[in-house]
Amino acid sequence: MSFLQHAKIRTKIILVLLSVCVVGAAGALLMSYNFKSIDRAYSDLLAKDDVVSLELSRANTRMFAMSYFAYQSLAVDDGPDTIASAKAYDDNKKLLFDGLAKIKSIAPERASDIDGVVGRLNDMAALTDQAVKAAATNNDANAKALLKKADPLIATARTEIRKLLDASVNRVDDKSNALSDNTNNTILYTLSVLGTVFVLALIAALFVVSRGIVGPVEALRARMTSLAAGEAEADVPGRERRDELGQMAAAVAVFRDNA
């Protein structure tokens, strides 16, 4: 209570305003921190899980492109078309395995699944490589036989890649939903905490204003009214205070003594 009695009115008002500002700033920092954490989670989702899904989708397309150009090298006539088909086959093969290696680098926890697919694709590529070379030397019968052996491996690899892609898409959906729920909970929690603290700060501010300014002013006003009515015996409240109200009380006491 000594602070409420002896601190200057300006100090009390500044304290009230400062407490409200501190609460507001703390609330803003809390919300900023929470949303920054959520933003990092969203960034990780986009930089990792979305890329994995994209690369798996591309892997499926490139595998079929490999198969297509392997068969195309057998179907086209000798010459530039055969060379072009073989080059397109090699390009898609490189992109396929590079994309799968990229998945392993950004998602090491999925390395075992990717290694299984890569093993299947290596078996397939060993046959399609030979088929493309056989087609380039006009050994069509051998090329067809090799491609026929590769067909089941292509179908199996396609199924495995699709399973991984479906799992990755489901993972993205689950994480996205979890982040949305986390965002909503963060907003609700932050606003609840901020609202509670703000109400407590407002109650404390009202207490300071009531006990440190309004109450003493009202008591002094009542005493000045009674003094004006001729009541000179009662003491003047607040003379022990060291703030502006104490100075006013001392001046009123002088009027009372003179009366």
C-alpha atoms as a PDB file:
ATOM      1  CA  MET A   1       0.000   0.000   0.000  1.00  0.00           C
ATOM      2  CA  SER A   2       2.949   2.361   0.520  1.00  0.00           C
ATOM      3  CA  PHE A   3       3.467   2.515  -3.236  1.00  0.00           C
ATOM      4  CA  LEU A   4      -0.166   3.525  -3.813  1.00  0.00           C
ATOM      5  CA  GLN A   5       0.116   6.186  -1.126  1.00  0.00           C
ATOM      6  CA  HIS A   6       3.492   7.655  -1.922  1.00  0.00           C
ATOM      7  CA  ALA A   7       4.042   7.264  -5.693  1.00  0.00           C
ATOM      8  CA  LYS A   8       3.171  10.223  -7.890  1.00  0.00           C
ATOM      9  CA  ILE A   9      -0.086  10.113  -9.823  1.00  0.00           C
ATOM     10  CA  ARG A  10       1.872  10.327 -13.069  1.00  0.00           C
ATOM     11  CA  THR A  11       3.876   7.273 -11.994  1.00  0.00           C
ATOM     12  CA  LYS A  12       0.690   5.345 -11.231  1.00  0.00           C
ATOM     13  CA  ILE A  13      -0.816   6.209 -14.616  1.00  0.00           C
ATOM     14  CA  ILE A  14       2.398   5.282 -16.422  1.00  0.00           C
ATOM     15  CA  LEU A  15       2.482   2.010 -14.509  1.00  0.00           C
ATOM     16  CA  VAL A  16      -1.087   1.211 -15.566  1.00  0.00           C
ATOM     17  CA  LEU A  17      -0.406   2.016 -19.221  1.00  0.00           C
ATOM     18  CA  LEU A  18       2.910   0.182 -19.177  1.00  0.00           C
ATOM     19  CA  SER A  19       1.365  -2.968 -17.746  1.00  0.00           C
ATOM     20  CA  VAL A  20      -1.251  -3.031 -20.523  1.00  0.00           C
ATOM     21  CA  CYS A  21       1.433  -2.433 -23.169  1.00  0.00           C
ATOM     22  CA  VAL A  22       3.626  -5.208 -21.735  1.00  0.00           C
ATOM     23  CA  VAL A  23       0.714  -7.634 -21.849  1.00  0.00           C
ATOM     24  CA  GLY A  24      -0.021  -6.674 -25.457  1.00  0.00           C
ATOM     25  CA  ALA A  25       3.617  -6.997 -26.495  1.00  0.00           C
ATOM     26  CA  ALA A  26       3.987 -10.336 -24.716  1.00  0.00           C
ATOM     27  CA  GLY A  27       0.856 -11.609 -26.432  1.00  0.00           C
ATOM     28  CA  ALA A  28       2.134 -10.497 -29.828  1.00  0.00           C
ATOM     29  CA  LEU A  29       5.484 -12.215 -29.218  1.00  0.00           C
ATOM     30  CA  LEU A  30       3.748 -15.396 -28.078  1.00  0.00           C
ATOM     31  CA  MET A  31       1.547 -15.520 -31.175  1.00  0.00           C
ATOM     32  CA  SER A  32       4.526 -14.720 -33.399  1.00  0.00           C
ATOM     33  CA  TYR A  33       6.577 -17.546 -31.872  1.00  0.00           C
ATOM     34  CA  ASN A  34       3.751 -20.077 -32.148  1.00  0.00           C
ATOM     35  CA  PHE A  35       2.931 -19.184 -35.734  1.00  0.00           C
ATOM     36  CA  LYS A  36       6.605 -19.191 -36.667  1.00  0.00           C
ATOM     37  CA  SER A  37       6.830 -22.773 -35.381  1.00  0.00           C
ATOM     38  CA  ILE A  38       3.797 -23.737 -37.466  1.00  0.00           C
ATOM     39  CA  ASP A  39       5.270 -21.972 -40.489  1.00  0.00           C
ATOM     40  CA  ARG A  40       8.469 -24.005 -40.116  1.00  0.00           C
ATOM     41  CA  ALA A  41       6.402 -27.188 -39.966  1.00  0.00           C
ATOM     42  CA  TYR A  42       4.544 -26.204 -43.140  1.00  0.00           C
ATOM     43  CA  SER A  43       7.837 -25.361 -44.832  1.00  0.00           C
ATOM     44  CA  ASP A  44       9.255 -28.756 -43.880  1.00  0.00           C
ATOM     45  CA  LEU A  45       6.122 -30.403 -45.241  1.00  0.00           C
ATOM     46  CA  LEU A  46       6.457 -28.597 -48.563  1.00  0.00           C
ATOM     47  CA  ALA A  47      10.220 -29.057 -48.783  1.00  0.00           C
ATOM     48  CA  LYS A  48      10.188 -32.742 -47.891  1.00  0.00           C
ATOM     49  CA  ASP A  49       6.914 -34.660 -48.153  1.00  0.00           C
ATOM     50  CA  ASP A  50       5.598 -32.804 -51.186  1.00  0.00           C
ATOM     51  CA  VAL A  51       8.910 -33.268 -52.983  1.00  0.00           C
ATOM     52  CA  VAL A  52       8.855 -36.991 -52.178  1.00  0.00           C
ATOM     53  CA  SER A  53       5.355 -37.317 -53.642  1.00  0.00           C
ATOM     54  CA  LEU A  54       6.384 -35.354 -56.722  1.00  0.00           C
ATOM     55  CA  GLU A  55       9.508 -37.440 -57.316  1.00  0.00           C
ATOM     56  CA  LEU A  56       7.581 -40.684 -56.883  1.00  0.00           C
ATOM     57  CA  SER A  57       5.044 -39.506 -59.430  1.00  0.00           C
ATOM     58  CA  ARG A  58       7.862 -38.587 -61.804  1.00  0.00           C
ATOM     59  CA  ALA A  59       9.531 -41.958 -61.178  1.00  0.00           C
ATOM     60  CA  ASN A  60       6.397 -43.746 -62.311  1.00  0.00           C
ATOM     61  CA  THR A  61       6.242 -41.631 -65.474  1.00  0.00           C
ATOM     62  CA  ARG A  62       9.947 -42.057 -66.256  1.00  0.00           C
ATOM     63  CA  MET A  63       9.774 -45.825 -65.772  1.00  0.00           C
ATOM     64  CA  PHE A  64       7.016 -46.029 -68.360  1.00  0.00           C
ATOM     65  CA  ALA A  65       9.021 -43.705 -70.616  1.00  0.00           C
ATOM     66  CA  MET A  66      11.976 -46.099 -70.333  1.00  0.00           C
ATOM     67  CA  SER A  67       9.746 -48.999 -71.298  1.00  0.00           C
ATOM     68  CA  TYR A  68       8.228 -47.046 -74.170  1.00  0.00           C
ATOM     69  CA  PHE A  69      11.576 -46.057 -75.691  1.00  0.00           C
ATOM     70  CA  ALA A  70      12.929 -49.580 -75.191  1.00  0.00           C
ATOM     71  CA  TYR A  71      10.041 -50.890 -77.297  1.00  0.00           C
ATOM     72  CA  GLN A  72      10.367 -47.920 -79.664  1.00  0.00           C
ATOM     73  CA  SER A  73      13.985 -48.791 -80.405  1.00  0.00           C
ATOM     74  CA  LEU A  74      12.694 -52.151 -81.598  1.00  0.00           C
ATOM     75  CA  ALA A  75       9.829 -50.698 -83.625  1.00  0.00           C
ATOM     76  CA  VAL A  76      11.643 -47.953 -85.554  1.00  0.00           C
ATOM     77  CA  ASP A  77      13.834 -48.470 -88.561  1.00  0.00           C
ATOM     78  CA  ASP A  78      17.597 -48.446 -88.302  1.00  0.00           C
ATOM     79  CA  GLY A  79      19.378 -45.132 -88.354  1.00  0.00           C
ATOM     80  CA  PRO A  80      18.709 -41.816 -86.605  1.00  0.00           C
ATOM     81  CA  ASP A  81      15.389 -42.963 -85.119  1.00  0.00           C
ATOM     82  CA  THR A  82      17.049 -45.907 -83.400  1.00  0.00           C
ATOM     83  CA  ILE A  83      19.759 -43.640 -82.018  1.00  0.00           C
ATOM     84  CA  ALA A  84      17.162 -41.106 -80.828  1.00  0.00           C
ATOM     85  CA  SER A  85      15.100 -43.799 -79.085  1.00  0.00           C
ATOM     86  CA  ALA A  86      18.196 -45.196 -77.382  1.00  0.00           C
ATOM     87  CA  LYS A  87      19.182 -41.718 -76.201  1.00  0.00           C
ATOM     88  CA  ALA A  88      15.678 -40.987 -74.878  1.00  0.00           C
ATOM     89  CA  TYR A  89      15.780 -44.351 -73.092  1.00  0.00           C
ATOM     90  CA  ASP A  90      19.106 -43.488 -71.436  1.00  0.00           C
ATOM     91  CA  ASP A  91      17.932 -39.984 -70.472  1.00  0.00           C
ATOM     92  CA  ASN A  92      14.791 -41.258 -68.778  1.00  0.00           C
ATOM     93  CA  LYS A  93      16.725 -44.003 -67.038  1.00  0.00           C
ATOM     94  CA  LYS A  94      19.144 -41.464 -65.586  1.00  0.00           C
ATOM     95  CA  LEU A  95      16.317 -39.160 -64.487  1.00  0.00           C
ATOM     96  CA  LEU A  96      14.510 -42.110 -62.904  1.00  0.00           C
ATOM     97  CA  PHE A  97      17.404 -43.216 -60.717  1.00  0.00           C
ATOM     98  CA  ASP A  98      18.486 -39.638 -59.941  1.00  0.00           C
ATOM     99  CA  GLY A  99      14.960 -38.856 -58.720  1.00  0.00           C
ATOM    100  CA  LEU A 100      14.899 -41.911 -56.453  1.00  0.00           C
ATOM    101  CA  ALA A 101      18.322 -40.961 -55.075  1.00  0.00           C
ATOM    102  CA  LYS A 102      16.948 -37.485 -54.344  1.00  0.00           C
ATOM    103  CA  ILE A 103      14.104 -39.025 -52.318  1.00  0.00           C
ATOM    104  CA  LYS A 104      16.642 -40.945 -50.213  1.00  0.00           C
ATOM    105  CA  SER A 105      18.659 -37.786 -49.594  1.00  0.00           C
ATOM    106  CA  ILE A 106      15.713 -35.692 -48.354  1.00  0.00           C
ATOM    107  CA  ALA A 107      13.837 -38.537 -46.617  1.00  0.00           C
ATOM    108  CA  PRO A 108      16.425 -40.991 -45.221  1.00  0.00           C
ATOM    109  CA  GLU A 109      13.703 -42.707 -43.190  1.00  0.00           C
ATOM    110  CA  ARG A 110      12.263 -44.040 -46.456  1.00  0.00           C
ATOM    111  CA  ALA A 111      15.583 -45.336 -47.789  1.00  0.00           C
ATOM    112  CA  SER A 112      14.703 -48.995 -47.257  1.00  0.00           C
ATOM    113  CA  ASP A 113      11.482 -48.678 -49.290  1.00  0.00           C
ATOM    114  CA  ILE A 114      13.278 -46.822 -52.061  1.00  0.00           C
ATOM    115  CA  ASP A 115      16.102 -49.374 -52.099  1.00  0.00           C
ATOM    116  CA  GLY A 116      13.537 -52.111 -52.679  1.00  0.00           C
ATOM    117  CA  VAL A 117      12.131 -50.271 -55.692  1.00  0.00           C
ATOM    118  CA  VAL A 118      15.614 -49.460 -56.979  1.00  0.00           C
ATOM    119  CA  GLY A 119      16.557 -53.142 -56.796  1.00  0.00           C
ATOM    120  CA  ARG A 120      13.486 -54.047 -58.830  1.00  0.00           C
ATOM    121  CA  LEU A 121      14.238 -51.320 -61.363  1.00  0.00           C
ATOM    122  CA  ASN A 122      17.857 -52.425 -61.670  1.00  0.00           C
ATOM    123  CA  ASP A 123      16.673 -55.911 -62.567  1.00  0.00           C
ATOM    124  CA  MET A 124      14.304 -54.399 -65.121  1.00  0.00           C
ATOM    125  CA  ALA A 125      16.958 -52.062 -66.527  1.00  0.00           C
ATOM    126  CA  ALA A 126      19.423 -54.929 -66.941  1.00  0.00           C
ATOM    127  CA  LEU A 127      16.964 -56.576 -69.342  1.00  0.00           C
ATOM    128  CA  THR A 128      15.825 -53.410 -71.140  1.00  0.00           C
ATOM    129  CA  ASP A 129      19.452 -52.278 -71.593  1.00  0.00           C
ATOM    130  CA  GLN A 130      20.213 -55.522 -73.352  1.00  0.00           C
ATOM    131  CA  ALA A 131      17.013 -55.221 -75.407  1.00  0.00           C
ATOM    132  CA  VAL A 132      17.951 -51.728 -76.615  1.00  0.00           C
ATOM    133  CA  LYS A 133      21.441 -52.917 -77.573  1.00  0.00           C
ATOM    134  CA  ALA A 134      20.009 -55.945 -79.337  1.00  0.00           C
ATOM    135  CA  ALA A 135      17.579 -53.749 -81.285  1.00  0.00           C
ATOM    136  CA  ALA A 136      20.475 -51.498 -82.314  1.00  0.00           C
ATOM    137  CA  THR A 137      22.194 -54.509 -83.876  1.00  0.00           C
ATOM    138  CA  ASN A 138      18.996 -55.695 -85.585  1.00  0.00           C
ATOM    139  CA  ASN A 139      18.709 -58.668 -83.251  1.00  0.00           C
ATOM    140  CA  ASP A 140      14.959 -58.156 -82.960  1.00  0.00           C
ATOM    141  CA  ALA A 141      14.125 -61.686 -81.770  1.00  0.00           C
ATOM    142  CA  ASN A 142      16.494 -61.390 -78.805  1.00  0.00           C
ATOM    143  CA  ALA A 143      15.237 -57.862 -78.055  1.00  0.00           C
ATOM    144  CA  LYS A 144      11.623 -59.054 -77.982  1.00  0.00           C
ATOM    145  CA  ALA A 145      12.503 -61.946 -75.690  1.00  0.00           C
ATOM    146  CA  LEU A 146      14.330 -59.637 -73.293  1.00  0.00           C
ATOM    147  CA  LEU A 147      11.469 -57.138 -73.226  1.00  0.00           C
ATOM    148  CA  LYS A 148       9.014 -59.954 -72.569  1.00  0.00           C
ATOM    149  CA  LYS A 149      11.072 -60.945 -69.517  1.00  0.00           C
ATOM    150  CA  ALA A 150      11.150 -57.309 -68.380  1.00  0.00           C
ATOM    151  CA  ASP A 151       7.373 -56.853 -68.551  1.00  0.00           C
ATOM    152  CA  PRO A 152       6.579 -58.567 -65.190  1.00  0.00           C
ATOM    153  CA  LEU A 153       9.341 -56.565 -63.506  1.00  0.00           C
ATOM    154  CA  ILE A 154       7.907 -53.353 -64.963  1.00  0.00           C
ATOM    155  CA  ALA A 155       4.439 -54.247 -63.652  1.00  0.00           C
ATOM    156  CA  THR A 156       5.819 -55.084 -60.189  1.00  0.00           C
ATOM    157  CA  ALA A 157       7.891 -51.888 -60.015  1.00  0.00           C
ATOM    158  CA  ARG A 158       4.862 -49.862 -61.103  1.00  0.00           C
ATOM    159  CA  THR A 159       2.782 -51.384 -58.287  1.00  0.00           C
ATOM    160  CA  GLU A 160       5.495 -50.708 -55.694  1.00  0.00           C
ATOM    161  CA  ILE A 161       5.978 -47.111 -56.812  1.00  0.00           C
ATOM    162  CA  ARG A 162       2.228 -46.488 -56.738  1.00  0.00           C
ATOM    163  CA  LYS A 163       2.006 -47.901 -53.228  1.00  0.00           C
ATOM    164  CA  LEU A 164       4.798 -45.602 -52.089  1.00  0.00           C
ATOM    165  CA  LEU A 165       3.122 -42.679 -53.850  1.00  0.00           C
ATOM    166  CA  ASP A 166      -0.251 -43.401 -52.226  1.00  0.00           C
ATOM    167  CA  ALA A 167       1.411 -43.695 -48.824  1.00  0.00           C
ATOM    168  CA  SER A 168       3.256 -40.429 -49.393  1.00  0.00           C
ATOM    169  CA  VAL A 169       0.084 -38.601 -50.452  1.00  0.00           C
ATOM    170  CA  ASN A 170      -1.759 -39.948 -47.410  1.00  0.00           C
ATOM    171  CA  ARG A 171       1.143 -38.863 -45.231  1.00  0.00           C
ATOM    172  CA  VAL A 172       0.973 -35.334 -46.666  1.00  0.00           C
ATOM    173  CA  ASP A 173      -2.794 -35.226 -46.085  1.00  0.00           C
ATOM    174  CA  ASP A 174      -2.430 -36.442 -42.498  1.00  0.00           C
ATOM    175  CA  LYS A 175       0.331 -33.979 -41.695  1.00  0.00           C
ATOM    176  CA  SER A 176      -1.536 -31.151 -43.382  1.00  0.00           C
ATOM    177  CA  ASN A 177      -4.665 -31.907 -41.352  1.00  0.00           C
ATOM    178  CA  ALA A 178      -2.599 -32.152 -38.169  1.00  0.00           C
ATOM    179  CA  LEU A 179      -0.976 -28.797 -38.888  1.00  0.00           C
ATOM    180  CA  SER A 180      -4.383 -27.234 -39.543  1.00  0.00           C
ATOM    181  CA  ASP A 181      -5.647 -28.565 -36.217  1.00  0.00           C
ATOM    182  CA  ASN A 182      -2.478 -27.341 -34.527  1.00  0.00           C
ATOM    183  CA  THR A 183      -2.982 -23.900 -36.057  1.00  0.00           C
ATOM    184  CA  ASN A 184      -6.546 -23.708 -34.775  1.00  0.00           C
ATOM    185  CA  ASN A 185      -5.503 -24.918 -31.318  1.00  0.00           C
ATOM    186  CA  THR A 186      -2.648 -22.426 -31.254  1.00  0.00           C
ATOM    187  CA  ILE A 187      -4.975 -19.556 -32.099  1.00  0.00           C
ATOM    188  CA  LEU A 188      -7.475 -20.626 -29.432  1.00  0.00           C
ATOM    189  CA  TYR A 189      -4.807 -21.242 -26.797  1.00  0.00           C
ATOM    190  CA  THR A 190      -2.924 -18.027 -27.493  1.00  0.00           C
ATOM    191  CA  LEU A 191      -6.065 -15.901 -27.462  1.00  0.00           C
ATOM    192  CA  SER A 192      -7.239 -17.585 -24.262  1.00  0.00           C
ATOM    193  CA  VAL A 193      -3.940 -16.991 -22.493  1.00  0.00           C
ATOM    194  CA  LEU A 194      -3.663 -13.458 -23.813  1.00  0.00           C
ATOM    195  CA  GLY A 195      -7.265 -12.690 -22.845  1.00  0.00           C
ATOM    196  CA  THR A 196      -6.775 -14.080 -19.331  1.00  0.00           C
ATOM    197  CA  VAL A 197      -3.553 -12.168 -18.759  1.00  0.00           C
ATOM    198  CA  PHE A 198      -5.077  -9.007 -20.201  1.00  0.00           C
ATOM    199  CA  VAL A 199      -8.077  -9.276 -17.876  1.00  0.00           C
ATOM    200  CA  LEU A 200      -5.757  -9.804 -14.894  1.00  0.00           C
ATOM    201  CA  ALA A 201      -3.668  -6.810 -15.948  1.00  0.00           C
ATOM    202  CA  LEU A 202      -6.831  -4.731 -16.343  1.00  0.00           C
ATOM    203  CA  ILE A 203      -8.037  -5.781 -12.881  1.00  0.00           C
ATOM    204  CA  ALA A 204      -4.647  -4.843 -11.428  1.00  0.00           C
ATOM    205  CA  ALA A 205      -4.765  -1.507 -13.262  1.00  0.00           C
ATOM    206  CA  LEU A 206      -8.263  -0.790 -11.963  1.00  0.00           C
ATOM    207  CA  PHE A 207      -7.102  -1.667  -8.459  1.00  0.00           C
ATOM    208  CA  VAL A 208      -4.204   0.782  -8.723  1.00  0.00           C
ATOM    209  CA  VAL A 209      -6.437   3.525 -10.090  1.00  0.00           C
ATOM    210  CA  SER A 210      -9.167   2.871  -7.515  1.00  0.00           C
ATOM    211  CA  ARG A 211      -6.962   2.587  -4.442  1.00  0.00           C
ATOM    212  CA  GLY A 212      -4.253   4.970  -5.501  1.00  0.00           C
ATOM    213  CA  ILE A 213      -6.205   7.763  -7.238  1.00  0.00           C
ATOM    214  CA  VAL A 214     -10.003   7.567  -7.349  1.00  0.00           C
ATOM    215  CA  GLY A 215     -10.556   6.447  -3.728  1.00  0.00           C
ATOM    216  CA  PRO A 216      -8.307   9.067  -2.133  1.00  0.00           C
ATOM    217  CA  VAL A 217      -9.706  11.813  -4.409  1.00  0.00           C
ATOM    218  CA  GLU A 218     -13.249  10.869  -3.412  1.00  0.00           C
ATOM    219  CA  ALA A 219     -12.326  10.883   0.307  1.00  0.00           C
ATOM    220  CA  LEU A 220     -10.649  14.258  -0.028  1.00  0.00           C
ATOM    221  CA  ARG A 221     -13.630  15.659  -1.961  1.00  0.00           C
ATOM    222  CA  ALA A 222     -16.011  14.483   0.768  1.00  0.00           C
ATOM    223  CA  ARG A 223     -13.830  16.094   3.442  1.00  0.00           C
ATOM    224  CA  MET A 224     -13.645  19.370   1.509  1.00  0.00           C
ATOM    225  CA  THR A 225     -17.454  19.340   1.177  1.00  0.00           C
ATOM    226  CA  SER A 226     -17.868  18.760   4.911  1.00  0.00           C
ATOM    227  CA  LEU A 227     -15.310  21.478   5.641  1.00  0.00           C
ATOM    228  CA  ALA A 228     -17.238  23.892   3.440  1.00  0.00           C
ATOM    229  CA  ALA A 229     -20.341  22.962   5.480  1.00  0.00           C
ATOM    230  CA  GLY A 230     -18.548  24.003   8.697  1.00  0.00           C
ATOM    231  CA  GLU A 231     -17.195  20.672   9.944  1.00  0.00           C
ATOM    232  CA  ALA A 232     -13.760  21.678  11.222  1.00  0.00           C
ATOM    233  CA  GLU A 233     -13.124  18.980  13.813  1.00  0.00           C
ATOM    234  CA  ALA A 234     -12.662  15.828  11.693  1.00  0.00           C
ATOM    235  CA  ASP A 235      -9.210  15.059  10.409  1.00  0.00           C
ATOM    236  CA  VAL A 236      -8.296  15.475   6.727  1.00  0.00           C
ATOM    237  CA  PRO A 237      -7.583  12.052   5.154  1.00  0.00           C
ATOM    238  CA  GLY A 238      -4.453  11.521   3.104  1.00  0.00           C
ATOM    239  CA  ARG A 239      -2.073  13.947   4.783  1.00  0.00           C
ATOM    240  CA  GLU A 240       0.414  11.108   5.306  1.00  0.00           C
ATOM    241  CA  ARG A 241       0.637  10.553   1.569  1.00  0.00           C
ATOM    242  CA  ARG A 242       3.650  11.786  -0.387  1.00  0.00           C
ATOM    243  CA  ASP A 243       1.984  12.220  -3.741  1.00  0.00           C
ATOM    244  CA  GLU A 244      -0.034  15.117  -5.157  1.00  0.00           C
ATOM    245  CA  LEU A 245      -3.096  14.044  -3.163  1.00  0.00           C
ATOM    246  CA  GLY A 246      -1.049  14.253   0.014  1.00  0.00           C
ATOM    247  CA  GLN A 247      -0.105  17.833  -0.890  1.00  0.00           C
ATOM    248  CA  MET A 248      -3.751  18.676  -1.548  1.00  0.00           C
ATOM    249  CA  ALA A 249      -4.739  17.085   1.766  1.00  0.00           C
ATOM    250  CA  ALA A 250      -2.132  19.210   3.550  1.00  0.00           C
ATOM    251  CA  ALA A 251      -3.568  22.360   1.931  1.00  0.00           C
ATOM    252  CA  VAL A 252      -7.098  21.368   2.984  1.00  0.00           C
ATOM    253  CA  ALA A 253      -5.782  20.772   6.518  1.00  0.00           C
ATOM    254  CA  VAL A 254      -4.529  24.377   6.557  1.00  0.00           C
ATOM    255  CA  PHE A 255      -8.018  25.571   5.604  1.00  0.00           C
ATOM    256  CA  ARG A 256      -9.478  23.399   8.346  1.00  0.00           C
ATOM    257  CA  ASP A 257      -7.064  24.780  10.959  1.00  0.00           C
ATOM    258  CA  ASN A 258      -7.853  28.353   9.887  1.00  0.00           C
ATOM    259  CA  ALA A 259     -11.559  27.599  10.108  1.00  0.00           C
END
